[in-house]
Amino acid sequence: QAIDGGIEETSDIKFLFANIYLNARRYSQAYEMFNKIEAKIPKEDKPLFYYYYAQSAFGVHRYDEYLTLLQKAIKLDKATYASVLVDAYTKVADRYNQAGRLDEYINYLGKA
């Protein structure tokens, strides 16, 4: 409605919408929006962007991409995001365990 009223649809606004979808567990919509705006995100917001983009990738079962995006966030802001990697590998391992893919479960658990 704000956009219809004349507020410019900037990358900040799109980032906000993507986060709203993510928080509402509408992972598919969030993932699509994050994918579309990646190139437009300012450098100073990239670490946070990649962290949230990763969460949406996890929500749509793109586990390798989830880990890759988290690693991008860590590379840009190690102090803030390095601690999430062990938990991320454990989360992915748990998903594979639930799916009965024990080889992948063991693989990702070993990386944790």
Protein backbone atom coordinates (compact mmCIF):
# COMPACT_ATOMS: atom_id res chain seq x y z
CA GLN A 1 0.00 0.00 0.00
CA ALA A 2 2.88 2.36 0.79
CA ILE A 3 4.42 1.61 -2.59
CA ASP A 4 1.07 2.27 -4.27
CA GLY A 5 0.98 5.57 -2.41
CA GLY A 6 4.22 6.72 -4.00
CA ILE A 7 6.97 5.47 -1.73
CA GLU A 8 9.83 4.35 -3.94
CA GLU A 9 10.38 0.60 -4.07
CA THR A 10 14.08 0.54 -3.13
CA SER A 11 16.27 -2.42 -2.29
CA ASP A 12 15.72 -1.54 1.39
CA ILE A 13 11.96 -1.87 0.97
CA LYS A 14 12.34 -5.15 -0.91
CA PHE A 15 14.73 -6.43 1.78
CA LEU A 16 12.11 -5.56 4.38
CA PHE A 17 9.40 -7.40 2.44
CA ALA A 18 11.63 -10.46 2.07
CA ASN A 19 12.22 -10.46 5.83
CA ILE A 20 8.50 -10.16 6.49
CA TYR A 21 7.91 -13.24 4.35
CA LEU A 22 10.76 -15.04 6.12
CA ASN A 23 9.35 -14.23 9.57
CA ALA A 24 5.92 -15.42 8.43
CA ARG A 25 7.53 -18.72 7.36
CA ARG A 26 6.64 -18.04 3.75
CA TYR A 27 10.04 -19.33 2.74
CA SER A 28 9.40 -19.68 -0.96
CA GLN A 29 8.37 -16.04 -1.38
CA ALA A 30 11.24 -14.86 0.82
CA TYR A 31 13.76 -16.95 -1.11
CA GLU A 32 12.55 -15.57 -4.45
CA MET A 33 12.74 -11.99 -3.20
CA PHE A 34 16.21 -12.40 -1.70
CA ASN A 35 17.37 -13.96 -4.96
CA LYS A 36 16.09 -11.00 -6.99
CA ILE A 37 17.62 -8.28 -4.83
CA GLU A 38 21.05 -9.75 -4.05
CA ALA A 39 22.94 -7.54 -6.52
CA LYS A 40 21.25 -4.38 -5.22
CA ILE A 41 22.06 -4.77 -1.53
CA PRO A 42 24.55 -2.18 -0.22
CA LYS A 43 27.93 -3.54 0.84
CA GLU A 44 27.38 -2.68 4.51
CA ASP A 45 24.17 -4.74 4.58
CA LYS A 46 25.54 -7.81 2.75
CA PRO A 47 26.45 -9.91 5.84
CA LEU A 48 22.95 -9.56 7.32
CA PHE A 49 21.41 -10.05 3.89
CA TYR A 50 23.27 -13.33 3.35
CA TYR A 51 22.31 -14.54 6.83
CA TYR A 52 18.61 -14.00 6.13
CA TYR A 53 18.87 -15.28 2.57
CA ALA A 54 20.43 -18.45 4.03
CA GLN A 55 17.48 -18.90 6.39
CA SER A 56 15.10 -18.75 3.45
CA ALA A 57 17.22 -21.29 1.53
CA PHE A 58 17.00 -23.65 4.51
CA GLY A 59 13.22 -23.17 4.56
CA VAL A 60 12.94 -24.32 0.94
CA HIS A 61 15.21 -27.33 1.58
CA ARG A 62 18.21 -25.98 -0.34
CA TYR A 63 20.68 -27.09 2.30
CA ASP A 64 23.92 -26.74 0.34
CA GLU A 65 22.92 -23.23 -0.67
CA TYR A 66 21.99 -22.50 2.96
CA LEU A 67 25.51 -23.37 4.03
CA THR A 68 27.09 -21.46 1.14
CA LEU A 69 25.12 -18.32 1.96
CA LEU A 70 26.04 -18.56 5.63
CA GLN A 71 29.69 -18.86 4.63
CA LYS A 72 29.33 -15.65 2.60
CA ALA A 73 27.94 -13.90 5.68
CA ILE A 74 30.81 -15.26 7.77
CA LYS A 75 33.40 -14.14 5.22
CA LEU A 76 32.03 -10.60 5.35
CA ASP A 77 31.54 -10.43 9.14
CA LYS A 78 33.33 -13.24 10.93
CA ALA A 79 32.90 -11.76 14.41
CA THR A 80 29.12 -11.80 14.12
CA TYR A 81 28.37 -14.93 12.11
CA ALA A 82 31.20 -17.46 12.65
CA SER A 83 29.41 -18.99 15.62
CA VAL A 84 26.38 -20.06 13.55
CA LEU A 85 28.24 -22.51 11.30
CA VAL A 86 28.38 -25.46 13.72
CA ASP A 87 24.67 -25.11 14.44
CA ALA A 88 23.98 -24.87 10.69
CA TYR A 89 25.76 -28.15 9.94
CA THR A 90 23.86 -29.78 12.81
CA LYS A 91 20.52 -28.48 11.48
CA VAL A 92 21.27 -29.82 8.01
CA ALA A 93 22.38 -33.16 9.47
CA ASP A 94 19.13 -33.39 11.44
CA ARG A 95 17.06 -32.76 8.30
CA TYR A 96 18.85 -35.55 6.46
CA ASN A 97 18.39 -37.84 9.47
CA GLN A 98 14.65 -37.13 9.46
CA ALA A 99 14.56 -37.94 5.75
CA GLY A 100 16.28 -41.27 6.38
CA ARG A 101 19.41 -40.27 4.45
CA LEU A 102 21.90 -41.57 6.97
CA ASP A 103 24.93 -41.14 4.70
CA GLU A 104 24.23 -37.40 4.41
CA TYR A 105 23.40 -37.22 8.12
CA ILE A 106 26.80 -38.65 9.04
CA ASN A 107 28.56 -36.45 6.48
CA TYR A 108 27.11 -33.18 7.79
CA LEU A 109 27.36 -34.20 11.42
CA GLY A 110 31.06 -34.81 10.83
CA LYS A 111 31.44 -31.29 9.45
CA ALA A 112 29.83 -29.83 12.57
